[in-house]
Structures are given as structure tokens and as C-alpha cells.
């Protein structure tokens, strides 16, 4: 059975992977055998992330490519570089995203556009660039990182909620067009995950109490909680799973 989840030799790109969830997913794919390309827009942070991860793996297993996932030409160039330099891209994790907290009535349209472009449009751009080669070869895995906000909403994060809801339907649209060509496209929807970016929420006593009470598992998620599902979706063990968004949220979305 272990061979079903073996990613040895498979080239993967994880966007937004210089830290946080993306970095943990990239490391998890590498631990399962994949050759990993990290991505970010901060060149210094990305180089440091590559060096830290490369120290734990054999030479040639960890790479990085700095590019803006919201730039169509940059995304196509990056995928072309990966295919020419690292190898055929077989796994794409669309993880890059941002948050912007402001009441909907006060939301600047420019900030709305920025969140939608980063959290939704980027998955279309990078996904399309990756899918071209995958379809030619007749196989490939795309994993779109959604959120509990794919299904739920909270005040002050309207653009993020709209983007993550759209990402689930983009996952379905990709499936409708590309599954026949041998691709599996699915979404992972994390619940509230404890990372350096959410530490302020964990430290907020009222918010932390709400999360603990709202989540049947009675705890925050960890980045490691996401690794197993991501490896499964990237592996041959999920070859007949397509168009699904799988919630990794401790049960938050199934209770009232």
C-alpha cells in the first residue's frame, strides 16, 4: 500500500511556500519523495526557505523560483523553467494567498481586486500554465488550497470569502475540462490553523475561546494536519478523486 503514496521522482511546485502552510506542504511532499520547487515573491525569504529545506534532503531535491503568481507571463515562464531545468511538472499546489480585514462597506475596490487576484486568479494562471504540459503527458495533480471560508463567512473578510468560494468552483471547472486528459484537480480546505501568521488570533483570548468552542475537535489545527491529505491528493492513491474540496477543519463546517 505504501507505494500508492510514494512521490519519488515527481516534480512539484508549491506556490506561496517560503513559510507557513505552503512551506509545510512542500516539506511533506519532499518527505514523500517528491522533488520540490518553492515559490514566493520575497527573494530573500525564499532563498532562506530553500536553504533550510535543502539541508534536510539530498542535493537536487529542493529548488526555488521567485515569481508573481498573479502575472500570467511570469507564471508561464516559471513553469517553463521548471520543465526545462528541474523536470516535467507533475504536482501543483496552488497555495499563495493573502487576507485583508475591513468591513465590506469600507472595502476599497483596489483591495478587493488585489485579494481576488492573489487568492483566486493566481490559481487559474498558474494552474493553466501547469496543465498544458500535464495534458500533453496525460497525467498530473493540481491541489487548490481553499479554506473553511469556502463554505462559511465572517465579518470583515468578504473578498477572501468570495475568492475561496470561487476557488472551489474553479476546481470543479478545471475538473470538467481536464479530468478527461488524465488530471486530478481537488481542493483542500483548512480550518483555523496555528501558524506564525495566525498567532495574533491564537493570542486573542475571546477569539481563541470561540474557535475552541466552535470546533468539535476542541483545538486549532496544525500545519502537519494538512500534510497527509495533501500527499494523498498528490499521489496515485487518489487517482479517481476529482473535483472535490476536502475540509480539514476538526469538524467546524459540519456543526451549528
C-alpha atoms as a PDB file:
ATOM      1  CA  UNK A   1       0.000   0.000   0.000  1.00  0.00           C
ATOM      2  CA  UNK A   2       2.835   2.402   0.741  1.00  0.00           C
ATOM      3  CA  UNK A   3       3.687   2.580  -2.965  1.00  0.00           C
ATOM      4  CA  UNK A   4       0.326   4.250  -3.596  1.00  0.00           C
ATOM      5  CA  UNK A   5       1.547   7.314  -1.699  1.00  0.00           C
ATOM      6  CA  UNK A   6       5.170   7.297  -2.881  1.00  0.00           C
ATOM      7  CA  UNK A   7       6.040  10.522  -4.727  1.00  0.00           C
ATOM      8  CA  UNK A   8       9.637   9.614  -5.510  1.00  0.00           C
ATOM      9  CA  UNK A   9      10.904  11.476  -8.559  1.00  0.00           C
ATOM     10  CA  UNK A  10       7.764  13.537  -9.074  1.00  0.00           C
ATOM     11  CA  UNK A  11       8.397  17.246  -9.592  1.00  0.00           C
ATOM     12  CA  UNK A  12       6.096  19.525  -7.622  1.00  0.00           C
ATOM     13  CA  UNK A  13       5.564  23.280  -7.377  1.00  0.00           C
ATOM     14  CA  UNK A  14       4.032  24.793  -4.245  1.00  0.00           C
ATOM     15  CA  UNK A  15       3.149  28.480  -4.569  1.00  0.00           C
ATOM     16  CA  UNK A  16       3.482  30.722  -1.545  1.00  0.00           C
ATOM     17  CA  UNK A  17       5.790  28.228   0.158  1.00  0.00           C
ATOM     18  CA  UNK A  18       8.515  30.299   1.786  1.00  0.00           C
ATOM     19  CA  UNK A  19       6.705  29.933   5.136  1.00  0.00           C
ATOM     20  CA  UNK A  20       3.516  28.804   6.849  1.00  0.00           C
ATOM     21  CA  UNK A  21       1.146  26.234   5.360  1.00  0.00           C
ATOM     22  CA  UNK A  22       2.823  26.274   1.947  1.00  0.00           C
ATOM     23  CA  UNK A  23       6.229  25.534   3.430  1.00  0.00           C
ATOM     24  CA  UNK A  24       4.839  22.647   5.494  1.00  0.00           C
ATOM     25  CA  UNK A  25       3.095  21.168   2.459  1.00  0.00           C
ATOM     26  CA  UNK A  26       6.270  21.460   0.385  1.00  0.00           C
ATOM     27  CA  UNK A  27       8.265  19.688   3.086  1.00  0.00           C
ATOM     28  CA  UNK A  28       5.610  16.985   3.347  1.00  0.00           C
ATOM     29  CA  UNK A  29       5.738  16.341  -0.394  1.00  0.00           C
ATOM     30  CA  UNK A  30       9.534  16.171  -0.239  1.00  0.00           C
ATOM     31  CA  UNK A  31       9.386  13.707   2.661  1.00  0.00           C
ATOM     32  CA  UNK A  32       7.128  11.534   0.485  1.00  0.00           C
ATOM     33  CA  UNK A  33       9.841  11.552  -2.194  1.00  0.00           C
ATOM     34  CA  UNK A  34       8.935  14.482  -4.445  1.00  0.00           C
ATOM     35  CA  UNK A  35      11.377  16.963  -5.904  1.00  0.00           C
ATOM     36  CA  UNK A  36      10.033  20.323  -4.761  1.00  0.00           C
ATOM     37  CA  UNK A  37      10.125  23.837  -6.203  1.00  0.00           C
ATOM     38  CA  UNK A  38       9.364  26.525  -3.629  1.00  0.00           C
ATOM     39  CA  UNK A  39       7.825  29.840  -4.652  1.00  0.00           C
ATOM     40  CA  UNK A  40       7.397  33.322  -3.228  1.00  0.00           C
ATOM     41  CA  UNK A  41       7.825  36.957  -4.203  1.00  0.00           C
ATOM     42  CA  UNK A  42      10.302  37.905  -1.445  1.00  0.00           C
ATOM     43  CA  UNK A  43      13.597  36.673  -2.879  1.00  0.00           C
ATOM     44  CA  UNK A  44      15.494  36.804   0.398  1.00  0.00           C
ATOM     45  CA  UNK A  45      12.882  34.911   2.371  1.00  0.00           C
ATOM     46  CA  UNK A  46      12.536  32.362  -0.425  1.00  0.00           C
ATOM     47  CA  UNK A  47      16.292  31.752  -0.598  1.00  0.00           C
ATOM     48  CA  UNK A  48      16.392  31.223   3.166  1.00  0.00           C
ATOM     49  CA  UNK A  49      13.497  28.764   2.959  1.00  0.00           C
ATOM     50  CA  UNK A  50      15.204  26.845   0.169  1.00  0.00           C
ATOM     51  CA  UNK A  51      18.465  26.640   2.109  1.00  0.00           C
ATOM     52  CA  UNK A  52      16.722  25.464   5.283  1.00  0.00           C
ATOM     53  CA  UNK A  53      14.779  22.736   3.481  1.00  0.00           C
ATOM     54  CA  UNK A  54      17.639  21.670   1.215  1.00  0.00           C
ATOM     55  CA  UNK A  55      19.778  20.912   4.276  1.00  0.00           C
ATOM     56  CA  UNK A  56      17.419  18.035   5.101  1.00  0.00           C
ATOM     57  CA  UNK A  57      17.313  16.377   1.680  1.00  0.00           C
ATOM     58  CA  UNK A  58      19.669  15.026  -0.976  1.00  0.00           C
ATOM     59  CA  UNK A  59      21.184  17.523  -3.421  1.00  0.00           C
ATOM     60  CA  UNK A  60      18.859  18.397  -6.294  1.00  0.00           C
ATOM     61  CA  UNK A  61      15.659  17.675  -4.386  1.00  0.00           C
ATOM     62  CA  UNK A  62      14.801  21.251  -3.355  1.00  0.00           C
ATOM     63  CA  UNK A  63      14.644  24.229  -5.710  1.00  0.00           C
ATOM     64  CA  UNK A  64      13.029  27.653  -5.701  1.00  0.00           C
ATOM     65  CA  UNK A  65      11.646  30.115  -8.209  1.00  0.00           C
ATOM     66  CA  UNK A  66      10.637  33.651  -7.267  1.00  0.00           C
ATOM     67  CA  UNK A  67       7.739  34.922  -9.349  1.00  0.00           C
ATOM     68  CA  UNK A  68       4.462  36.792  -9.010  1.00  0.00           C
ATOM     69  CA  UNK A  69       1.626  34.260  -9.245  1.00  0.00           C
ATOM     70  CA  UNK A  70      -0.765  36.997 -10.374  1.00  0.00           C
ATOM     71  CA  UNK A  71       1.329  37.709 -13.501  1.00  0.00           C
ATOM     72  CA  UNK A  72       0.320  35.481 -16.421  1.00  0.00           C
ATOM     73  CA  UNK A  73       3.626  35.788 -18.271  1.00  0.00           C
ATOM     74  CA  UNK A  74       5.658  35.228 -15.097  1.00  0.00           C
ATOM     75  CA  UNK A  75       3.647  32.107 -14.254  1.00  0.00           C
ATOM     76  CA  UNK A  76       4.150  30.682 -17.750  1.00  0.00           C
ATOM     77  CA  UNK A  77       7.875  31.488 -17.641  1.00  0.00           C
ATOM     78  CA  UNK A  78       8.251  29.830 -14.233  1.00  0.00           C
ATOM     79  CA  UNK A  79       6.518  26.641 -15.335  1.00  0.00           C
ATOM     80  CA  UNK A  80       8.662  26.624 -18.473  1.00  0.00           C
ATOM     81  CA  UNK A  81      11.805  26.990 -16.355  1.00  0.00           C
ATOM     82  CA  UNK A  82      10.735  24.123 -14.093  1.00  0.00           C
ATOM     83  CA  UNK A  83      10.028  21.836 -17.033  1.00  0.00           C
ATOM     84  CA  UNK A  84      13.362  22.668 -18.682  1.00  0.00           C
ATOM     85  CA  UNK A  85      15.558  22.764 -15.581  1.00  0.00           C
ATOM     86  CA  UNK A  86      14.039  20.509 -12.917  1.00  0.00           C
ATOM     87  CA  UNK A  87      11.824  18.123 -14.866  1.00  0.00           C
ATOM     88  CA  UNK A  88       8.235  17.564 -16.011  1.00  0.00           C
ATOM     89  CA  UNK A  89       5.873  19.228 -13.539  1.00  0.00           C
ATOM     90  CA  UNK A  90       3.553  16.547 -12.158  1.00  0.00           C
ATOM     91  CA  UNK A  91       2.164  18.160  -8.985  1.00  0.00           C
ATOM     92  CA  UNK A  92       0.989  21.734  -8.480  1.00  0.00           C
ATOM     93  CA  UNK A  93      -0.211  23.091  -5.151  1.00  0.00           C
ATOM     94  CA  UNK A  94      -1.886  26.499  -5.550  1.00  0.00           C
ATOM     95  CA  UNK A  95      -1.350  27.835  -2.034  1.00  0.00           C
ATOM     96  CA  UNK A  96      -0.448  31.513  -2.478  1.00  0.00           C
ATOM     97  CA  UNK A  97      -2.921  33.837  -0.818  1.00  0.00           C
ATOM     98  CA  UNK A  98      -3.444  36.984   1.211  1.00  0.00           C
ATOM     99  CA  UNK A  99      -6.007  38.302   3.671  1.00  0.00           C
ATOM    100  CA  UNK A 100      -7.422  41.820   4.053  1.00  0.00           C
ATOM    101  CA  UNK A 101      -9.665  42.604   7.014  1.00  0.00           C
ATOM    102  CA  UNK A 102     -12.044  45.547   6.678  1.00  0.00           C
ATOM    103  CA  UNK A 103     -15.841  45.927   6.805  1.00  0.00           C
ATOM    104  CA  UNK A 104     -17.483  45.388   3.417  1.00  0.00           C
ATOM    105  CA  UNK A 105     -18.905  48.927   3.290  1.00  0.00           C
ATOM    106  CA  UNK A 106     -15.395  50.330   3.762  1.00  0.00           C
ATOM    107  CA  UNK A 107     -13.589  47.945   1.423  1.00  0.00           C
ATOM    108  CA  UNK A 108     -11.585  49.753  -1.247  1.00  0.00           C
ATOM    109  CA  UNK A 109     -12.229  48.205  -4.690  1.00  0.00           C
ATOM    110  CA  UNK A 110      -8.468  48.093  -5.223  1.00  0.00           C
ATOM    111  CA  UNK A 111      -8.086  45.876  -2.149  1.00  0.00           C
ATOM    112  CA  UNK A 112     -10.972  43.691  -3.332  1.00  0.00           C
ATOM    113  CA  UNK A 113      -9.214  43.253  -6.685  1.00  0.00           C
ATOM    114  CA  UNK A 114      -5.863  42.513  -5.007  1.00  0.00           C
ATOM    115  CA  UNK A 115      -7.304  39.735  -2.823  1.00  0.00           C
ATOM    116  CA  UNK A 116      -9.324  38.182  -5.659  1.00  0.00           C
ATOM    117  CA  UNK A 117      -6.332  38.251  -7.990  1.00  0.00           C
ATOM    118  CA  UNK A 118      -3.961  36.735  -5.423  1.00  0.00           C
ATOM    119  CA  UNK A 119      -6.295  34.133  -3.931  1.00  0.00           C
ATOM    120  CA  UNK A 120      -8.314  33.104  -6.994  1.00  0.00           C
ATOM    121  CA  UNK A 121      -6.966  34.376 -10.293  1.00  0.00           C
ATOM    122  CA  UNK A 122      -3.451  33.130  -9.490  1.00  0.00           C
ATOM    123  CA  UNK A 123      -4.743  29.557  -9.293  1.00  0.00           C
ATOM    124  CA  UNK A 124      -6.223  29.968 -12.772  1.00  0.00           C
ATOM    125  CA  UNK A 125      -2.998  31.426 -14.184  1.00  0.00           C
ATOM    126  CA  UNK A 126      -0.513  29.004 -12.620  1.00  0.00           C
ATOM    127  CA  UNK A 127      -2.947  26.096 -12.977  1.00  0.00           C
ATOM    128  CA  UNK A 128      -3.417  26.735 -16.687  1.00  0.00           C
ATOM    129  CA  UNK A 129       0.332  27.051 -17.256  1.00  0.00           C
ATOM    130  CA  UNK A 130       0.978  23.761 -15.446  1.00  0.00           C
ATOM    131  CA  UNK A 131      -1.937  21.945 -17.083  1.00  0.00           C
ATOM    132  CA  UNK A 132      -0.611  22.444 -20.613  1.00  0.00           C
ATOM    133  CA  UNK A 133       2.306  20.071 -20.045  1.00  0.00           C
ATOM    134  CA  UNK A 134       0.311  17.739 -17.817  1.00  0.00           C
ATOM    135  CA  UNK A 135      -2.319  17.276 -20.521  1.00  0.00           C
ATOM    136  CA  UNK A 136       0.336  16.577 -23.140  1.00  0.00           C
ATOM    137  CA  UNK A 137       1.731  13.832 -20.916  1.00  0.00           C
ATOM    138  CA  UNK A 138      -1.687  12.518 -19.870  1.00  0.00           C
ATOM    139  CA  UNK A 139      -1.338  12.859 -16.101  1.00  0.00           C
ATOM    140  CA  UNK A 140      -0.924  15.420 -13.335  1.00  0.00           C
ATOM    141  CA  UNK A 141      -2.205  16.575  -9.964  1.00  0.00           C
ATOM    142  CA  UNK A 142      -3.435  20.060  -9.046  1.00  0.00           C
ATOM    143  CA  UNK A 143      -4.344  20.849  -5.454  1.00  0.00           C
ATOM    144  CA  UNK A 144      -6.023  24.194  -4.760  1.00  0.00           C
ATOM    145  CA  UNK A 145      -5.775  25.379  -1.156  1.00  0.00           C
ATOM    146  CA  UNK A 146      -9.207  26.634  -0.178  1.00  0.00           C
ATOM    147  CA  UNK A 147     -10.458  27.425   3.347  1.00  0.00           C
ATOM    148  CA  UNK A 148     -13.405  26.944   5.674  1.00  0.00           C
ATOM    149  CA  UNK A 149     -14.391  30.308   4.182  1.00  0.00           C
ATOM    150  CA  UNK A 150     -15.087  28.333   1.020  1.00  0.00           C
ATOM    151  CA  UNK A 151     -18.291  27.355   2.849  1.00  0.00           C
ATOM    152  CA  UNK A 152     -18.603  29.877   5.685  1.00  0.00           C
ATOM    153  CA  UNK A 153     -18.412  33.635   6.130  1.00  0.00           C
ATOM    154  CA  UNK A 154     -17.292  36.018   8.851  1.00  0.00           C
ATOM    155  CA  UNK A 155     -17.489  39.820   9.010  1.00  0.00           C
ATOM    156  CA  UNK A 156     -14.607  41.875   7.559  1.00  0.00           C
ATOM    157  CA  UNK A 157     -13.184  39.234   5.149  1.00  0.00           C
ATOM    158  CA  UNK A 158     -15.626  39.475   2.235  1.00  0.00           C
ATOM    159  CA  UNK A 159     -13.022  39.468  -0.548  1.00  0.00           C
ATOM    160  CA  UNK A 160     -11.232  36.441   0.926  1.00  0.00           C
ATOM    161  CA  UNK A 161     -14.532  34.582   1.355  1.00  0.00           C
ATOM    162  CA  UNK A 162     -15.558  35.338  -2.231  1.00  0.00           C
ATOM    163  CA  UNK A 163     -12.159  34.229  -3.543  1.00  0.00           C
ATOM    164  CA  UNK A 164     -12.140  30.956  -1.616  1.00  0.00           C
ATOM    165  CA  UNK A 165     -15.705  30.172  -2.664  1.00  0.00           C
ATOM    166  CA  UNK A 166     -14.699  30.851  -6.242  1.00  0.00           C
ATOM    167  CA  UNK A 167     -11.663  28.605  -5.856  1.00  0.00           C
ATOM    168  CA  UNK A 168     -13.884  25.615  -5.118  1.00  0.00           C
ATOM    169  CA  UNK A 169     -15.822  26.211  -8.324  1.00  0.00           C
ATOM    170  CA  UNK A 170     -12.605  26.823 -10.266  1.00  0.00           C
ATOM    171  CA  UNK A 171     -11.539  23.374  -9.018  1.00  0.00           C
ATOM    172  CA  UNK A 172     -14.763  21.975 -10.471  1.00  0.00           C
ATOM    173  CA  UNK A 173     -14.285  23.849 -13.741  1.00  0.00           C
ATOM    174  CA  UNK A 174     -10.737  22.527 -14.093  1.00  0.00           C
ATOM    175  CA  UNK A 175     -12.079  19.028 -13.485  1.00  0.00           C
ATOM    176  CA  UNK A 176     -14.797  19.449 -16.109  1.00  0.00           C
ATOM    177  CA  UNK A 177     -12.215  20.402 -18.735  1.00  0.00           C
ATOM    178  CA  UNK A 178      -9.085  18.467 -17.744  1.00  0.00           C
ATOM    179  CA  UNK A 179     -10.097  15.240 -15.979  1.00  0.00           C
ATOM    180  CA  UNK A 180     -10.561  13.518 -19.321  1.00  0.00           C
ATOM    181  CA  UNK A 181      -6.931  14.289 -20.079  1.00  0.00           C
ATOM    182  CA  UNK A 182      -5.710  12.340 -17.064  1.00  0.00           C
ATOM    183  CA  UNK A 183      -5.528  15.128 -14.470  1.00  0.00           C
ATOM    184  CA  UNK A 184      -6.937  15.088 -10.945  1.00  0.00           C
ATOM    185  CA  UNK A 185      -7.813  18.508  -9.576  1.00  0.00           C
ATOM    186  CA  UNK A 186      -9.013  18.830  -5.987  1.00  0.00           C
ATOM    187  CA  UNK A 187      -9.165  21.325  -3.166  1.00  0.00           C
ATOM    188  CA  UNK A 188      -8.016  21.212   0.440  1.00  0.00           C
ATOM    189  CA  UNK A 189      -9.927  23.495   2.786  1.00  0.00           C
ATOM    190  CA  UNK A 190      -8.056  24.081   6.054  1.00  0.00           C
ATOM    191  CA  UNK A 191      -9.856  25.222   9.150  1.00  0.00           C
ATOM    192  CA  UNK A 192      -8.196  27.575  11.610  1.00  0.00           C
ATOM    193  CA  UNK A 193      -4.523  26.576  11.545  1.00  0.00           C
ATOM    194  CA  UNK A 194      -1.994  27.748  14.140  1.00  0.00           C
ATOM    195  CA  UNK A 195       0.902  29.371  12.278  1.00  0.00           C
ATOM    196  CA  UNK A 196       3.055  32.441  12.754  1.00  0.00           C
ATOM    197  CA  UNK A 197       0.519  34.346  10.635  1.00  0.00           C
ATOM    198  CA  UNK A 198      -2.387  33.416  12.955  1.00  0.00           C
ATOM    199  CA  UNK A 199      -0.508  33.748  16.238  1.00  0.00           C
ATOM    200  CA  UNK A 200      -2.277  37.051  16.970  1.00  0.00           C
ATOM    201  CA  UNK A 201      -5.640  35.264  16.724  1.00  0.00           C
ATOM    202  CA  UNK A 202      -4.458  32.472  18.995  1.00  0.00           C
ATOM    203  CA  UNK A 203      -3.336  35.108  21.494  1.00  0.00           C
ATOM    204  CA  UNK A 204      -6.732  36.846  21.377  1.00  0.00           C
ATOM    205  CA  UNK A 205      -8.487  35.224  24.337  1.00  0.00           C
ATOM    206  CA  UNK A 206     -12.022  35.893  23.112  1.00  0.00           C
ATOM    207  CA  UNK A 207     -11.310  34.653  19.582  1.00  0.00           C
ATOM    208  CA  UNK A 208      -9.394  31.621  20.809  1.00  0.00           C
ATOM    209  CA  UNK A 209     -12.277  30.677  23.109  1.00  0.00           C
ATOM    210  CA  UNK A 210     -14.696  30.984  20.193  1.00  0.00           C
ATOM    211  CA  UNK A 211     -12.542  28.743  17.982  1.00  0.00           C
ATOM    212  CA  UNK A 212     -12.200  26.095  20.660  1.00  0.00           C
ATOM    213  CA  UNK A 213     -15.953  26.078  21.267  1.00  0.00           C
ATOM    214  CA  UNK A 214     -16.847  26.171  17.571  1.00  0.00           C
ATOM    215  CA  UNK A 215     -14.572  23.263  16.619  1.00  0.00           C
ATOM    216  CA  UNK A 216     -15.695  19.754  17.650  1.00  0.00           C
ATOM    217  CA  UNK A 217     -12.046  18.634  17.853  1.00  0.00           C
ATOM    218  CA  UNK A 218     -11.610  21.374  20.500  1.00  0.00           C
ATOM    219  CA  UNK A 219      -8.270  22.593  19.173  1.00  0.00           C
ATOM    220  CA  UNK A 220      -6.625  24.637  16.474  1.00  0.00           C
ATOM    221  CA  UNK A 221      -5.291  22.736  13.505  1.00  0.00           C
ATOM    222  CA  UNK A 222      -1.572  22.407  12.855  1.00  0.00           C
ATOM    223  CA  UNK A 223       0.249  22.533   9.543  1.00  0.00           C
ATOM    224  CA  UNK A 224       1.031  18.834   9.979  1.00  0.00           C
ATOM    225  CA  UNK A 225      -2.700  18.077   9.942  1.00  0.00           C
ATOM    226  CA  UNK A 226      -2.699  19.164   6.282  1.00  0.00           C
ATOM    227  CA  UNK A 227       0.319  17.190   5.099  1.00  0.00           C
ATOM    228  CA  UNK A 228      -1.251  13.723   4.945  1.00  0.00           C
ATOM    229  CA  UNK A 229      -4.288  14.817   2.906  1.00  0.00           C
ATOM    230  CA  UNK A 230      -2.028  16.784   0.543  1.00  0.00           C
ATOM    231  CA  UNK A 231       0.282  13.802  -0.021  1.00  0.00           C
ATOM    232  CA  UNK A 232      -2.769  11.612  -0.668  1.00  0.00           C
ATOM    233  CA  UNK A 233      -4.171  14.022  -3.266  1.00  0.00           C
ATOM    234  CA  UNK A 234      -0.733  14.292  -4.895  1.00  0.00           C
ATOM    235  CA  UNK A 235      -0.331  10.514  -5.069  1.00  0.00           C
ATOM    236  CA  UNK A 236      -1.695   7.645  -7.136  1.00  0.00           C
ATOM    237  CA  UNK A 237      -3.873   6.768  -4.165  1.00  0.00           C
ATOM    238  CA  UNK A 238      -6.311   9.497  -5.252  1.00  0.00           C
ATOM    239  CA  UNK A 239      -6.434   8.717  -8.972  1.00  0.00           C
ATOM    240  CA  UNK A 240     -10.245   8.549  -9.071  1.00  0.00           C
ATOM    241  CA  UNK A 241     -10.823  11.562  -6.825  1.00  0.00           C
ATOM    242  CA  UNK A 242     -11.688  14.610  -8.889  1.00  0.00           C
ATOM    243  CA  UNK A 243     -13.295  17.985  -8.347  1.00  0.00           C
ATOM    244  CA  UNK A 244     -13.638  17.550  -4.591  1.00  0.00           C
ATOM    245  CA  UNK A 245     -12.926  20.056  -1.841  1.00  0.00           C
ATOM    246  CA  UNK A 246     -11.899  18.250   1.328  1.00  0.00           C
ATOM    247  CA  UNK A 247     -12.296  20.122   4.598  1.00  0.00           C
ATOM    248  CA  UNK A 248      -9.525  19.676   7.168  1.00  0.00           C
ATOM    249  CA  UNK A 249     -11.170  21.642   9.940  1.00  0.00           C
ATOM    250  CA  UNK A 250     -11.694  19.481  13.026  1.00  0.00           C
ATOM    251  CA  UNK A 251     -15.397  19.289  12.173  1.00  0.00           C
ATOM    252  CA  UNK A 252     -16.095  23.032  12.175  1.00  0.00           C
ATOM    253  CA  UNK A 253     -18.182  23.028   8.987  1.00  0.00           C
ATOM    254  CA  UNK A 254     -20.452  20.133   9.983  1.00  0.00           C
ATOM    255  CA  UNK A 255     -21.930  21.573  13.193  1.00  0.00           C
ATOM    256  CA  UNK A 256     -24.107  24.534  14.110  1.00  0.00           C
END
